Amino acid sequence: AELKESSGLTRPTLYRLLASLETEGLIE
C-alpha cells in the first residue's frame, strides 16, 4: 500500500514490477 501511494503506479503495474524484481533477486 505504501509503495502504491508513493509510486503513483496502478496496482497491476506495481504487482508486475515487484514480481519481476523479486524474481531477479533484487528485492525480497
PDB file of all heavy atoms in Angstrom:
ATOM      1  N   ALA A   1       0.831  -1.212   0.000  1.00  0.00           N
ATOM      2  CA  ALA A   1       0.000   0.000   0.000  1.00  0.00           C
ATOM      3  C   ALA A   1       0.860   1.254   0.000  1.00  0.00           C
ATOM      4  O   ALA A   1       0.560   2.236  -0.702  1.00  0.00           O
ATOM      5  CB  ALA A   1      -0.927  -0.011   1.217  1.00  0.00           C
ATOM      6  N   GLU A   2       1.943   1.243   0.776  1.00  0.00           N
ATOM      7  CA  GLU A   2       2.828   2.407   0.843  1.00  0.00           C
ATOM      8  C   GLU A   2       3.537   2.638  -0.485  1.00  0.00           C
ATOM      9  O   GLU A   2       3.690   3.779  -0.938  1.00  0.00           O
ATOM     10  CB  GLU A   2       3.840   2.224   1.979  1.00  0.00           C
ATOM     11  CG  GLU A   2       3.217   2.323   3.370  1.00  0.00           C
ATOM     12  CD  GLU A   2       4.144   1.845   4.470  1.00  0.00           C
ATOM     13  OE1 GLU A   2       5.136   1.123   4.163  1.00  0.00           O
ATOM     14  OE2 GLU A   2       3.879   2.164   5.631  1.00  0.00           O
ATOM     15  N   LEU A   3       3.938   1.561  -1.142  1.00  0.00           N
ATOM     16  CA  LEU A   3       4.595   1.682  -2.441  1.00  0.00           C
ATOM     17  C   LEU A   3       3.622   2.178  -3.507  1.00  0.00           C
ATOM     18  O   LEU A   3       3.995   2.958  -4.384  1.00  0.00           O
ATOM     19  CB  LEU A   3       5.192   0.340  -2.861  1.00  0.00           C
ATOM     20  CG  LEU A   3       6.465  -0.084  -2.122  1.00  0.00           C
ATOM     21  CD1 LEU A   3       6.861  -1.499  -2.511  1.00  0.00           C
ATOM     22  CD2 LEU A   3       7.611   0.877  -2.428  1.00  0.00           C
ATOM     23  N   LYS A   4       2.387   1.726  -3.429  1.00  0.00           N
ATOM     24  CA  LYS A   4       1.379   2.181  -4.394  1.00  0.00           C
ATOM     25  C   LYS A   4       1.159   3.679  -4.247  1.00  0.00           C
ATOM     26  O   LYS A   4       1.068   4.415  -5.243  1.00  0.00           O
ATOM     27  CB  LYS A   4       0.061   1.437  -4.177  1.00  0.00           C
ATOM     28  CG  LYS A   4      -1.016   1.785  -5.216  1.00  0.00           C
ATOM     29  CD  LYS A   4      -2.271   0.969  -5.006  1.00  0.00           C
ATOM     30  CE  LYS A   4      -3.301   1.280  -6.105  1.00  0.00           C
ATOM     31  NZ  LYS A   4      -3.675   2.700  -6.146  1.00  0.00           N
ATOM     32  N   GLU A   5       1.105   4.155  -3.012  1.00  0.00           N
ATOM     33  CA  GLU A   5       0.870   5.586  -2.775  1.00  0.00           C
ATOM     34  C   GLU A   5       2.071   6.426  -3.204  1.00  0.00           C
ATOM     35  O   GLU A   5       1.915   7.458  -3.859  1.00  0.00           O
ATOM     36  CB  GLU A   5       0.585   5.823  -1.291  1.00  0.00           C
ATOM     37  CG  GLU A   5       0.308   7.289  -0.970  1.00  0.00           C
ATOM     38  CD  GLU A   5      -0.006   7.508   0.503  1.00  0.00           C
ATOM     39  OE1 GLU A   5      -0.083   6.515   1.260  1.00  0.00           O
ATOM     40  OE2 GLU A   5      -0.159   8.675   0.903  1.00  0.00           O
ATOM     41  N   SER A   6       3.291   5.990  -2.854  1.00  0.00           N
ATOM     42  CA  SER A   6       4.473   6.791  -3.151  1.00  0.00           C
ATOM     43  C   SER A   6       4.896   6.720  -4.619  1.00  0.00           C
ATOM     44  O   SER A   6       5.483   7.656  -5.146  1.00  0.00           O
ATOM     45  CB  SER A   6       5.649   6.352  -2.266  1.00  0.00           C
ATOM     46  OG  SER A   6       5.944   4.978  -2.456  1.00  0.00           O
ATOM     47  N   SER A   7       4.579   5.602  -5.288  1.00  0.00           N
ATOM     48  CA  SER A   7       4.994   5.445  -6.691  1.00  0.00           C
ATOM     49  C   SER A   7       4.001   6.029  -7.678  1.00  0.00           C
ATOM     50  O   SER A   7       4.371   6.421  -8.782  1.00  0.00           O
ATOM     51  CB  SER A   7       5.210   3.970  -7.013  1.00  0.00           C
ATOM     52  OG  SER A   7       3.977   3.260  -7.010  1.00  0.00           O
ATOM     53  N   GLY A   8       2.726   6.043  -7.284  1.00  0.00           N
ATOM     54  CA  GLY A   8       1.694   6.518  -8.195  1.00  0.00           C
ATOM     55  C   GLY A   8       1.351   5.513  -9.278  1.00  0.00           C
ATOM     56  O   GLY A   8       0.626   5.830 -10.230  1.00  0.00           O
ATOM     57  N   LEU A   9       1.843   4.290  -9.150  1.00  0.00           N
ATOM     58  CA  LEU A   9       1.584   3.250 -10.149  1.00  0.00           C
ATOM     59  C   LEU A   9       0.239   2.578  -9.892  1.00  0.00           C
ATOM     60  O   LEU A   9      -0.245   2.528  -8.762  1.00  0.00           O
ATOM     61  CB  LEU A   9       2.680   2.186 -10.100  1.00  0.00           C
ATOM     62  CG  LEU A   9       4.103   2.651 -10.439  1.00  0.00           C
ATOM     63  CD1 LEU A   9       5.097   1.533 -10.153  1.00  0.00           C
ATOM     64  CD2 LEU A   9       4.197   3.091 -11.890  1.00  0.00           C
ATOM     65  N   THR A  10      -0.337   2.046 -10.959  1.00  0.00           N
ATOM     66  CA  THR A  10      -1.564   1.263 -10.785  1.00  0.00           C
ATOM     67  C   THR A  10      -1.208  -0.047 -10.109  1.00  0.00           C
ATOM     68  O   THR A  10      -0.056  -0.511 -10.172  1.00  0.00           O
ATOM     69  CB  THR A  10      -2.219   0.972 -12.140  1.00  0.00           C
ATOM     70  OG1 THR A  10      -1.327   0.177 -12.931  1.00  0.00           O
ATOM     71  CG2 THR A  10      -2.540   2.271 -12.878  1.00  0.00           C
ATOM     72  N   ARG A  11      -2.202  -0.677  -9.472  1.00  0.00           N
ATOM     73  CA  ARG A  11      -1.928  -1.928  -8.760  1.00  0.00           C
ATOM     74  C   ARG A  11      -1.376  -3.017  -9.693  1.00  0.00           C
ATOM     75  O   ARG A  11      -0.398  -3.695  -9.347  1.00  0.00           O
ATOM     76  CB  ARG A  11      -3.192  -2.406  -8.055  1.00  0.00           C
ATOM     77  CG  ARG A  11      -2.975  -3.601  -7.132  1.00  0.00           C
ATOM     78  CD  ARG A  11      -4.231  -3.911  -6.342  1.00  0.00           C
ATOM     79  NE  ARG A  11      -4.524  -2.868  -5.383  1.00  0.00           N
ATOM     80  CZ  ARG A  11      -4.042  -2.828  -4.143  1.00  0.00           C
ATOM     81  NH1 ARG A  11      -3.236  -3.807  -3.723  1.00  0.00           N
ATOM     82  NH2 ARG A  11      -4.361  -1.854  -3.331  1.00  0.00           N
ATOM     83  N   PRO A  12      -1.971  -3.225 -10.907  1.00  0.00           N
ATOM     84  CA  PRO A  12      -1.428  -4.263 -11.801  1.00  0.00           C
ATOM     85  C   PRO A  12       0.030  -4.006 -12.193  1.00  0.00           C
ATOM     86  O   PRO A  12       0.844  -4.929 -12.223  1.00  0.00           O
ATOM     87  CB  PRO A  12      -2.353  -4.206 -13.019  1.00  0.00           C
ATOM     88  CG  PRO A  12      -3.631  -3.642 -12.488  1.00  0.00           C
ATOM     89  CD  PRO A  12      -3.221  -2.639 -11.462  1.00  0.00           C
ATOM     90  N   THR A  13       0.348  -2.730 -12.504  1.00  0.00           N
ATOM     91  CA  THR A  13       1.722  -2.389 -12.888  1.00  0.00           C
ATOM     92  C   THR A  13       2.674  -2.604 -11.723  1.00  0.00           C
ATOM     93  O   THR A  13       3.774  -3.145 -11.890  1.00  0.00           O
ATOM     94  CB  THR A  13       1.807  -0.923 -13.362  1.00  0.00           C
ATOM     95  OG1 THR A  13       0.978  -0.750 -14.510  1.00  0.00           O
ATOM     96  CG2 THR A  13       3.236  -0.543 -13.724  1.00  0.00           C
ATOM     97  N   LEU A  14       2.250  -2.186 -10.537  1.00  0.00           N
ATOM     98  CA  LEU A  14       3.077  -2.345  -9.344  1.00  0.00           C
ATOM     99  C   LEU A  14       3.339  -3.826  -9.072  1.00  0.00           C
ATOM    100  O   LEU A  14       4.480  -4.234  -8.794  1.00  0.00           O
ATOM    101  CB  LEU A  14       2.399  -1.689  -8.138  1.00  0.00           C
ATOM    102  CG  LEU A  14       3.161  -1.742  -6.814  1.00  0.00           C
ATOM    103  CD1 LEU A  14       4.519  -1.074  -6.944  1.00  0.00           C
ATOM    104  CD2 LEU A  14       2.341  -1.065  -5.710  1.00  0.00           C
ATOM    105  N   TYR A  15       2.299  -4.645  -9.141  1.00  0.00           N
ATOM    106  CA  TYR A  15       2.457  -6.088  -8.938  1.00  0.00           C
ATOM    107  C   TYR A  15       3.459  -6.671  -9.940  1.00  0.00           C
ATOM    108  O   TYR A  15       4.314  -7.497  -9.586  1.00  0.00           O
ATOM    109  CB  TYR A  15       1.113  -6.797  -9.102  1.00  0.00           C
ATOM    110  CG  TYR A  15       0.294  -6.909  -7.840  1.00  0.00           C
ATOM    111  CD1 TYR A  15      -1.014  -6.443  -7.801  1.00  0.00           C
ATOM    112  CD2 TYR A  15       0.822  -7.500  -6.677  1.00  0.00           C
ATOM    113  CE1 TYR A  15      -1.785  -6.542  -6.635  1.00  0.00           C
ATOM    114  CE2 TYR A  15       0.068  -7.606  -5.527  1.00  0.00           C
ATOM    115  CZ  TYR A  15      -1.234  -7.131  -5.501  1.00  0.00           C
ATOM    116  OH  TYR A  15      -1.981  -7.232  -4.356  1.00  0.00           O
ATOM    117  N   ARG A  16       3.321  -6.264 -11.194  1.00  0.00           N
ATOM    118  CA  ARG A  16       4.185  -6.808 -12.249  1.00  0.00           C
ATOM    119  C   ARG A  16       5.653  -6.430 -12.002  1.00  0.00           C
ATOM    120  O   ARG A  16       6.545  -7.288 -12.105  1.00  0.00           O
ATOM    121  CB  ARG A  16       3.725  -6.280 -13.615  1.00  0.00           C
ATOM    122  CG  ARG A  16       4.611  -6.703 -14.777  1.00  0.00           C
ATOM    123  CD  ARG A  16       3.986  -6.330 -16.102  1.00  0.00           C
ATOM    124  NE  ARG A  16       3.666  -4.912 -16.189  1.00  0.00           N
ATOM    125  CZ  ARG A  16       4.570  -3.964 -16.478  1.00  0.00           C
ATOM    126  NH1 ARG A  16       5.832  -4.308 -16.694  1.00  0.00           N
ATOM    127  NH2 ARG A  16       4.208  -2.704 -16.568  1.00  0.00           N
ATOM    128  N   LEU A  17       5.915  -5.177 -11.669  1.00  0.00           N
ATOM    129  CA  LEU A  17       7.287  -4.731 -11.441  1.00  0.00           C
ATOM    130  C   LEU A  17       7.896  -5.368 -10.195  1.00  0.00           C
ATOM    131  O   LEU A  17       9.063  -5.772 -10.190  1.00  0.00           O
ATOM    132  CB  LEU A  17       7.338  -3.202 -11.326  1.00  0.00           C
ATOM    133  CG  LEU A  17       6.945  -2.418 -12.586  1.00  0.00           C
ATOM    134  CD1 LEU A  17       7.041  -0.925 -12.331  1.00  0.00           C
ATOM    135  CD2 LEU A  17       7.846  -2.805 -13.756  1.00  0.00           C
ATOM    136  N   LEU A  18       7.096  -5.467  -9.138  1.00  0.00           N
ATOM    137  CA  LEU A  18       7.589  -6.090  -7.911  1.00  0.00           C
ATOM    138  C   LEU A  18       7.916  -7.564  -8.141  1.00  0.00           C
ATOM    139  O   LEU A  18       8.936  -8.072  -7.665  1.00  0.00           O
ATOM    140  CB  LEU A  18       6.554  -5.954  -6.789  1.00  0.00           C
ATOM    141  CG  LEU A  18       6.389  -4.556  -6.176  1.00  0.00           C
ATOM    142  CD1 LEU A  18       5.206  -4.530  -5.214  1.00  0.00           C
ATOM    143  CD2 LEU A  18       7.662  -4.121  -5.462  1.00  0.00           C
ATOM    144  N   ALA A  19       7.059  -8.245  -8.883  1.00  0.00           N
ATOM    145  CA  ALA A  19       7.283  -9.664  -9.176  1.00  0.00           C
ATOM    146  C   ALA A  19       8.556  -9.846  -9.988  1.00  0.00           C
ATOM    147  O   ALA A  19       9.338 -10.778  -9.749  1.00  0.00           O
ATOM    148  CB  ALA A  19       6.085 -10.238  -9.929  1.00  0.00           C
ATOM    149  N   SER A  20       8.782  -8.946 -10.945  1.00  0.00           N
ATOM    150  CA  SER A  20       9.980  -9.014 -11.779  1.00  0.00           C
ATOM    151  C   SER A  20      11.244  -8.801 -10.946  1.00  0.00           C
ATOM    152  O   SER A  20      12.223  -9.544 -11.073  1.00  0.00           O
ATOM    153  CB  SER A  20       9.906  -7.963 -12.886  1.00  0.00           C
ATOM    154  OG  SER A  20      11.087  -7.958 -13.659  1.00  0.00           O
ATOM    155  N   LEU A  21      11.202  -7.800 -10.072  1.00  0.00           N
ATOM    156  CA  LEU A  21      12.345  -7.506  -9.209  1.00  0.00           C
ATOM    157  C   LEU A  21      12.625  -8.660  -8.246  1.00  0.00           C
ATOM    158  O   LEU A  21      13.786  -9.008  -7.982  1.00  0.00           O
ATOM    159  CB  LEU A  21      12.099  -6.220  -8.423  1.00  0.00           C
ATOM    160  CG  LEU A  21      12.169  -4.916  -9.222  1.00  0.00           C
ATOM    161  CD1 LEU A  21      11.642  -3.753  -8.389  1.00  0.00           C
ATOM    162  CD2 LEU A  21      13.615  -4.641  -9.656  1.00  0.00           C
ATOM    163  N   GLU A  22      11.549  -9.260  -7.748  1.00  0.00           N
ATOM    164  CA  GLU A  22      11.701 -10.362  -6.793  1.00  0.00           C
ATOM    165  C   GLU A  22      12.264 -11.604  -7.490  1.00  0.00           C
ATOM    166  O   GLU A  22      13.116 -12.309  -6.938  1.00  0.00           O
ATOM    167  CB  GLU A  22      10.357 -10.673  -6.140  1.00  0.00           C
ATOM    168  CG  GLU A  22      10.475 -11.545  -4.906  1.00  0.00           C
ATOM    169  CD  GLU A  22       9.192 -11.597  -4.089  1.00  0.00           C
ATOM    170  OE1 GLU A  22       8.160 -11.026  -4.528  1.00  0.00           O
ATOM    171  OE2 GLU A  22       9.222 -12.224  -3.012  1.00  0.00           O
ATOM    172  N   THR A  23      11.809 -11.847  -8.713  1.00  0.00           N
ATOM    173  CA  THR A  23      12.303 -12.993  -9.482  1.00  0.00           C
ATOM    174  C   THR A  23      13.801 -12.879  -9.736  1.00  0.00           C
ATOM    175  O   THR A  23      14.530 -13.872  -9.698  1.00  0.00           O
ATOM    176  CB  THR A  23      11.562 -13.089 -10.833  1.00  0.00           C
ATOM    177  OG1 THR A  23      10.171 -13.300 -10.596  1.00  0.00           O
ATOM    178  CG2 THR A  23      12.111 -14.232 -11.678  1.00  0.00           C
ATOM    179  N   GLU A  24      14.266 -11.656  -9.982  1.00  0.00           N
ATOM    180  CA  GLU A  24      15.688 -11.426 -10.255  1.00  0.00           C
ATOM    181  C   GLU A  24      16.533 -11.325  -8.984  1.00  0.00           C
ATOM    182  O   GLU A  24      17.748 -11.153  -9.052  1.00  0.00           O
ATOM    183  CB  GLU A  24      15.862 -10.141 -11.084  1.00  0.00           C
ATOM    184  CG  GLU A  24      15.269 -10.202 -12.474  1.00  0.00           C
ATOM    185  CD  GLU A  24      15.941 -11.269 -13.322  1.00  0.00           C
ATOM    186  OE1 GLU A  24      17.137 -11.520 -13.116  1.00  0.00           O
ATOM    187  OE2 GLU A  24      15.266 -11.862 -14.194  1.00  0.00           O
ATOM    188  N   GLY A  25      15.880 -11.414  -7.814  1.00  0.00           N
ATOM    189  CA  GLY A  25      16.622 -11.360  -6.559  1.00  0.00           C
ATOM    190  C   GLY A  25      17.049  -9.966  -6.149  1.00  0.00           C
ATOM    191  O   GLY A  25      17.892  -9.790  -5.268  1.00  0.00           O
ATOM    192  N   LEU A  26      16.443  -8.943  -6.788  1.00  0.00           N
ATOM    193  CA  LEU A  26      16.809  -7.564  -6.471  1.00  0.00           C
ATOM    194  C   LEU A  26      16.041  -7.024  -5.264  1.00  0.00           C
ATOM    195  O   LEU A  26      16.480  -6.068  -4.631  1.00  0.00           O
ATOM    196  CB  LEU A  26      16.580  -6.659  -7.687  1.00  0.00           C
ATOM    197  CG  LEU A  26      17.396  -7.045  -8.930  1.00  0.00           C
ATOM    198  CD1 LEU A  26      17.062  -6.122 -10.086  1.00  0.00           C
ATOM    199  CD2 LEU A  26      18.896  -7.005  -8.625  1.00  0.00           C
ATOM    200  N   ILE A  27      14.888  -7.617  -4.973  1.00  0.00           N
ATOM    201  CA  ILE A  27      14.148  -7.292  -3.755  1.00  0.00           C
ATOM    202  C   ILE A  27      13.653  -8.585  -3.125  1.00  0.00           C
ATOM    203  O   ILE A  27      13.630  -9.633  -3.783  1.00  0.00           O
ATOM    204  CB  ILE A  27      12.947  -6.345  -4.008  1.00  0.00           C
ATOM    205  CG1 ILE A  27      11.909  -7.025  -4.905  1.00  0.00           C
ATOM    206  CG2 ILE A  27      13.397  -5.016  -4.593  1.00  0.00           C
ATOM    207  CD1 ILE A  27      10.590  -6.256  -4.989  1.00  0.00           C
ATOM    208  N   GLU A  28      13.239  -8.501  -1.876  1.00  0.00           N
ATOM    209  CA  GLU A  28      12.681  -9.655  -1.178  1.00  0.00           C
ATOM    210  C   GLU A  28      11.437  -9.210  -0.418  1.00  0.00           C
ATOM    211  O   GLU A  28      11.393  -8.086   0.117  1.00  0.00           O
ATOM    212  CB  GLU A  28      13.701 -10.218  -0.178  1.00  0.00           C
ATOM    213  CG  GLU A  28      14.965 -10.748  -0.810  1.00  0.00           C
ATOM    214  CD  GLU A  28      16.018 -11.101   0.222  1.00  0.00           C
ATOM    215  OE1 GLU A  28      15.782 -10.847   1.432  1.00  0.00           O
ATOM    216  OE2 GLU A  28      17.083 -11.616  -0.174  1.00  0.00           O
TER     217      GLU A  28
END
